[in-house]
């Protein structure tokens, strides 16, 4: 209270303290080769696949249980995993119902920038930022805004990547740190079989979703992938491109 009998209350004394993530957001135009990939971005009124909305409903239920960081993987490559992760992030952010960050963790075979049709700014790829963090950088994370509720942290298609950075403790720290600033965080991870990269992603997320393409995935491969991931974080298997008559 000052001499004029006016009560001075600082904003921090009346508003709850919220933990914020220092993140630099850069807006980019997306022009994907397949425009159907972006059917739910922005103000588009095109219908999204009903199956994706059902999956969204299940993940929103998990969100109420304290789970909002989900990894997407497949038994082997070329299963449509990255396209599914992209569509999942889009449907979660549909009509700005949630703030979503899509993170590319398949650092040896990156594809998100190509799928979504945007260029990662120089030096702002995920692995390049991870390496700088490993060297003590205090710069804020830089993410790409593709819509009012969708941000992406991806690898560059033209600059050198650092796939070994996935195995640093900074990767898991980054996922946990960035996840605090979003309603959902979707990690497009590497395939399971042939390396332990998917298990690194598994350790960083709340749950893993396995993607399988009908008539492409081997049943043995799928069972082995689920076994390698274990039951603790395996949320389920998404089968796509199945014969509707079957």
Protein backbone atom coordinates (compact mmCIF):
# COMPACT_ATOMS: atom_id res chain seq x y z
CA UNK A 1 0.00 0.00 0.00
CA UNK A 2 1.48 3.35 -1.04
CA UNK A 3 0.96 6.85 0.37
CA UNK A 4 -2.16 7.37 -1.77
CA UNK A 5 -3.81 4.42 -0.05
CA UNK A 6 -3.72 2.51 -3.34
CA UNK A 7 -3.15 -1.21 -3.04
CA UNK A 8 -0.50 -2.38 -5.49
CA UNK A 9 -0.72 -6.06 -6.30
CA UNK A 10 1.76 -7.63 -8.66
CA UNK A 11 0.35 -9.92 -11.34
CA UNK A 12 2.43 -12.81 -10.05
CA UNK A 13 0.64 -12.58 -6.71
CA UNK A 14 -2.81 -13.16 -8.13
CA UNK A 15 -2.11 -15.47 -11.06
CA UNK A 16 -0.86 -19.03 -10.65
CA UNK A 17 2.70 -19.54 -11.74
CA UNK A 18 2.91 -21.52 -14.99
CA UNK A 19 6.02 -23.28 -16.18
CA UNK A 20 6.72 -22.05 -19.68
CA UNK A 21 9.07 -23.38 -22.32
CA UNK A 22 11.38 -20.81 -23.91
CA UNK A 23 10.72 -21.73 -27.52
CA UNK A 24 11.33 -19.67 -30.63
CA UNK A 25 8.48 -20.13 -33.11
CA UNK A 26 9.13 -19.59 -36.83
CA UNK A 27 6.20 -19.56 -39.24
CA UNK A 28 6.58 -21.51 -42.46
CA UNK A 29 4.42 -22.14 -45.50
CA UNK A 30 3.66 -25.79 -46.12
CA UNK A 31 3.12 -27.05 -49.65
CA UNK A 32 3.09 -30.86 -49.51
CA UNK A 33 3.28 -32.99 -52.67
CA UNK A 34 0.09 -34.68 -51.54
CA UNK A 35 -2.29 -31.94 -50.42
CA UNK A 36 -4.51 -34.50 -48.68
CA UNK A 37 -1.87 -34.68 -45.96
CA UNK A 38 -3.01 -31.24 -44.80
CA UNK A 39 -6.77 -31.74 -44.95
CA UNK A 40 -7.13 -30.71 -41.31
CA UNK A 41 -4.72 -27.79 -41.18
CA UNK A 42 -5.96 -24.27 -40.49
CA UNK A 43 -9.56 -23.50 -41.41
CA UNK A 44 -10.04 -26.30 -43.93
CA UNK A 45 -13.47 -27.95 -43.69
CA UNK A 46 -12.54 -31.20 -45.41
CA UNK A 47 -13.56 -34.34 -43.55
CA UNK A 48 -10.85 -36.26 -41.75
CA UNK A 49 -10.87 -40.04 -41.72
CA UNK A 50 -13.22 -41.30 -39.04
CA UNK A 51 -10.63 -43.77 -37.84
CA UNK A 52 -8.20 -40.97 -37.01
CA UNK A 53 -10.82 -39.19 -34.93
CA UNK A 54 -11.49 -42.41 -33.03
CA UNK A 55 -7.77 -42.67 -32.27
CA UNK A 56 -7.79 -39.03 -31.20
CA UNK A 57 -10.64 -39.77 -28.81
CA UNK A 58 -8.62 -42.60 -27.26
CA UNK A 59 -5.57 -40.38 -26.86
CA UNK A 60 -7.65 -37.60 -25.33
CA UNK A 61 -8.79 -40.14 -22.76
CA UNK A 62 -5.16 -40.95 -22.07
CA UNK A 63 -4.49 -37.22 -21.74
CA UNK A 64 -6.94 -37.08 -18.86
CA UNK A 65 -4.86 -39.84 -17.23
CA UNK A 66 -1.68 -37.76 -17.50
CA UNK A 67 -0.33 -39.17 -20.77
CA UNK A 68 0.23 -36.80 -23.68
CA UNK A 69 3.62 -37.70 -25.21
CA UNK A 70 3.22 -40.47 -27.78
CA UNK A 71 5.78 -42.15 -30.01
CA UNK A 72 4.94 -43.64 -33.41
CA UNK A 73 6.95 -46.52 -34.81
CA UNK A 74 6.70 -49.57 -37.08
CA UNK A 75 8.35 -52.97 -37.26
CA UNK A 76 10.35 -52.03 -40.34
CA UNK A 77 10.67 -49.02 -42.64
CA UNK A 78 8.25 -48.14 -45.47
CA UNK A 79 5.15 -48.89 -43.39
CA UNK A 80 3.64 -45.38 -43.62
CA UNK A 81 4.69 -44.53 -40.07
CA UNK A 82 5.71 -40.92 -40.74
CA UNK A 83 2.57 -40.18 -42.74
CA UNK A 84 0.47 -41.57 -39.90
CA UNK A 85 2.38 -39.53 -37.31
CA UNK A 86 1.75 -36.42 -39.42
CA UNK A 87 -1.96 -37.11 -39.78
CA UNK A 88 -2.22 -37.91 -36.07
CA UNK A 89 -0.66 -34.57 -35.17
CA UNK A 90 -3.04 -32.82 -37.57
CA UNK A 91 -6.17 -34.46 -36.22
CA UNK A 92 -5.12 -33.79 -32.62
CA UNK A 93 -4.73 -30.08 -33.47
CA UNK A 94 -7.90 -29.96 -35.61
CA UNK A 95 -9.91 -26.76 -35.14
CA UNK A 96 -7.32 -25.66 -32.55
CA UNK A 97 -8.73 -28.12 -30.02
CA UNK A 98 -5.19 -28.77 -28.72
CA UNK A 99 -1.67 -27.41 -29.13
CA UNK A 100 0.48 -30.10 -30.70
CA UNK A 101 4.19 -30.50 -31.36
CA UNK A 102 5.31 -33.06 -33.95
CA UNK A 103 8.93 -34.13 -33.37
CA UNK A 104 11.08 -36.01 -35.85
CA UNK A 105 13.18 -38.67 -34.12
CA UNK A 106 13.85 -40.88 -37.16
CA UNK A 107 17.13 -39.07 -37.63
CA UNK A 108 18.68 -41.58 -40.04
CA UNK A 109 15.72 -41.44 -42.46
CA UNK A 110 13.99 -38.08 -41.95
CA UNK A 111 10.88 -37.31 -44.01
CA UNK A 112 8.58 -34.88 -42.16
CA UNK A 113 9.77 -31.75 -44.01
CA UNK A 114 9.21 -33.54 -47.33
CA UNK A 115 5.78 -34.89 -46.34
CA UNK A 116 4.61 -31.50 -45.12
CA UNK A 117 6.40 -29.54 -47.84
CA UNK A 118 8.38 -26.94 -45.92
CA UNK A 119 12.03 -25.97 -45.51
CA UNK A 120 13.74 -26.14 -42.13
CA UNK A 121 15.61 -22.85 -41.49
CA UNK A 122 19.42 -23.16 -41.60
CA UNK A 123 20.81 -24.61 -38.39
CA UNK A 124 17.34 -25.30 -36.95
CA UNK A 125 17.04 -29.01 -37.60
CA UNK A 126 16.30 -31.09 -34.51
CA UNK A 127 19.62 -32.94 -34.46
CA UNK A 128 21.64 -29.75 -35.03
CA UNK A 129 19.90 -28.14 -32.07
CA UNK A 130 20.51 -31.27 -29.99
CA UNK A 131 24.23 -31.13 -30.75
CA UNK A 132 24.39 -27.48 -29.71
CA UNK A 133 22.62 -28.37 -26.44
CA UNK A 134 25.21 -31.12 -25.92
CA UNK A 135 27.89 -28.42 -26.22
CA UNK A 136 26.22 -26.23 -23.61
CA UNK A 137 24.10 -23.93 -25.76
CA UNK A 138 21.40 -21.98 -23.90
CA UNK A 139 19.62 -20.89 -27.06
CA UNK A 140 15.85 -21.52 -27.06
CA UNK A 141 14.47 -24.41 -29.05
CA UNK A 142 13.27 -23.39 -32.51
CA UNK A 143 10.08 -24.98 -33.83
CA UNK A 144 8.20 -24.44 -37.10
CA UNK A 145 4.58 -23.26 -36.93
CA UNK A 146 2.47 -24.78 -39.71
CA UNK A 147 -0.83 -23.62 -38.26
CA UNK A 148 -2.27 -21.91 -35.19
CA UNK A 149 -2.09 -25.12 -33.14
CA UNK A 150 0.56 -27.25 -34.87
CA UNK A 151 4.31 -26.89 -34.46
CA UNK A 152 6.99 -29.15 -35.95
CA UNK A 153 10.57 -29.91 -34.92
CA UNK A 154 12.05 -31.66 -37.95
CA UNK A 155 15.25 -32.53 -39.77
CA UNK A 156 16.56 -30.53 -42.72
CA UNK A 157 16.48 -32.11 -46.17
CA UNK A 158 19.59 -30.22 -47.29
CA UNK A 159 21.90 -29.83 -44.29
CA UNK A 160 23.99 -32.40 -42.47
CA UNK A 161 22.19 -34.34 -39.77
CA UNK A 162 23.52 -35.86 -36.58
CA UNK A 163 21.61 -39.12 -36.02
CA UNK A 164 23.93 -40.15 -33.18
CA UNK A 165 22.44 -37.32 -31.10
CA UNK A 166 19.35 -39.50 -30.59
CA UNK A 167 21.34 -41.55 -28.10
CA UNK A 168 22.37 -38.62 -25.94
CA UNK A 169 20.54 -37.87 -22.71
CA UNK A 170 19.68 -34.50 -24.27
CA UNK A 171 17.11 -36.18 -26.54
CA UNK A 172 15.04 -37.50 -23.66
CA UNK A 173 15.48 -34.22 -21.80
CA UNK A 174 14.29 -32.29 -24.87
CA UNK A 175 11.14 -34.39 -25.28
CA UNK A 176 10.21 -34.01 -21.63
CA UNK A 177 11.00 -30.30 -21.57
CA UNK A 178 9.15 -29.44 -24.78
CA UNK A 179 6.20 -31.61 -23.82
CA UNK A 180 5.42 -29.30 -20.93
CA UNK A 181 4.46 -26.56 -23.38
CA UNK A 182 1.92 -28.56 -25.43
CA UNK A 183 -1.28 -30.51 -24.96
CA UNK A 184 0.14 -33.34 -27.10
CA UNK A 185 3.59 -34.21 -28.35
CA UNK A 186 3.86 -36.77 -31.16
CA UNK A 187 7.28 -38.29 -31.82
CA UNK A 188 7.85 -39.82 -35.25
CA UNK A 189 10.34 -42.48 -34.26
CA UNK A 190 12.52 -44.94 -36.17
CA UNK A 191 11.40 -48.47 -36.94
CA UNK A 192 11.96 -51.10 -34.26
CA UNK A 193 13.81 -54.02 -35.79
CA UNK A 194 17.47 -53.83 -36.65
CA UNK A 195 18.54 -51.31 -34.00
CA UNK A 196 17.75 -50.01 -30.55
CA UNK A 197 16.74 -46.54 -31.78
CA UNK A 198 13.02 -47.13 -31.20
CA UNK A 199 13.73 -48.13 -27.61
CA UNK A 200 15.44 -44.77 -27.07
CA UNK A 201 12.20 -43.10 -28.15
CA UNK A 202 10.22 -45.51 -25.97
CA UNK A 203 12.12 -44.32 -22.91
CA UNK A 204 11.29 -40.69 -23.69
CA UNK A 205 7.52 -40.98 -24.26
CA UNK A 206 4.45 -42.01 -22.31
CA UNK A 207 3.36 -44.67 -24.80
CA UNK A 208 4.20 -46.10 -28.23
CA UNK A 209 1.89 -46.68 -31.21
CA UNK A 210 2.99 -49.30 -33.75
CA UNK A 211 1.95 -48.75 -37.38
CA UNK A 212 1.58 -51.68 -39.79
CA UNK A 213 0.61 -51.69 -43.45
CA UNK A 214 -1.78 -54.41 -44.53
CA UNK A 215 -0.28 -57.03 -46.87
CA UNK A 216 3.14 -55.47 -46.32
CA UNK A 217 3.94 -56.08 -42.68
CA UNK A 218 5.06 -59.56 -41.72
CA UNK A 219 3.18 -61.04 -38.80
CA UNK A 220 6.45 -62.32 -37.38
CA UNK A 221 8.05 -58.89 -37.73
CA UNK A 222 5.13 -57.24 -35.98
CA UNK A 223 5.18 -59.72 -33.10
CA UNK A 224 8.95 -59.31 -32.74
CA UNK A 225 8.61 -55.51 -32.74
CA UNK A 226 5.95 -55.57 -30.03
CA UNK A 227 8.08 -58.00 -28.03
CA UNK A 228 11.13 -55.71 -28.31
CA UNK A 229 9.10 -52.72 -27.15
CA UNK A 230 7.53 -54.66 -24.32
CA UNK A 231 4.10 -54.32 -22.74
CA UNK A 232 4.87 -51.43 -20.44
CA UNK A 233 4.48 -48.68 -23.06
CA UNK A 234 2.89 -50.39 -26.04
CA UNK A 235 -0.40 -48.59 -26.57
CA UNK A 236 -1.58 -50.57 -29.60
CA UNK A 237 -1.15 -51.36 -33.29
CA UNK A 238 -2.66 -49.28 -36.10
CA UNK A 239 -3.31 -51.30 -39.27
CA UNK A 240 -3.82 -49.19 -42.38
CA UNK A 241 -4.51 -49.76 -46.07
CA UNK A 242 -6.58 -52.80 -45.22
CA UNK A 243 -9.03 -54.23 -47.73
CA UNK A 244 -12.43 -52.81 -46.83
CA UNK A 245 -14.08 -55.93 -48.23
CA UNK A 246 -12.08 -58.14 -45.93
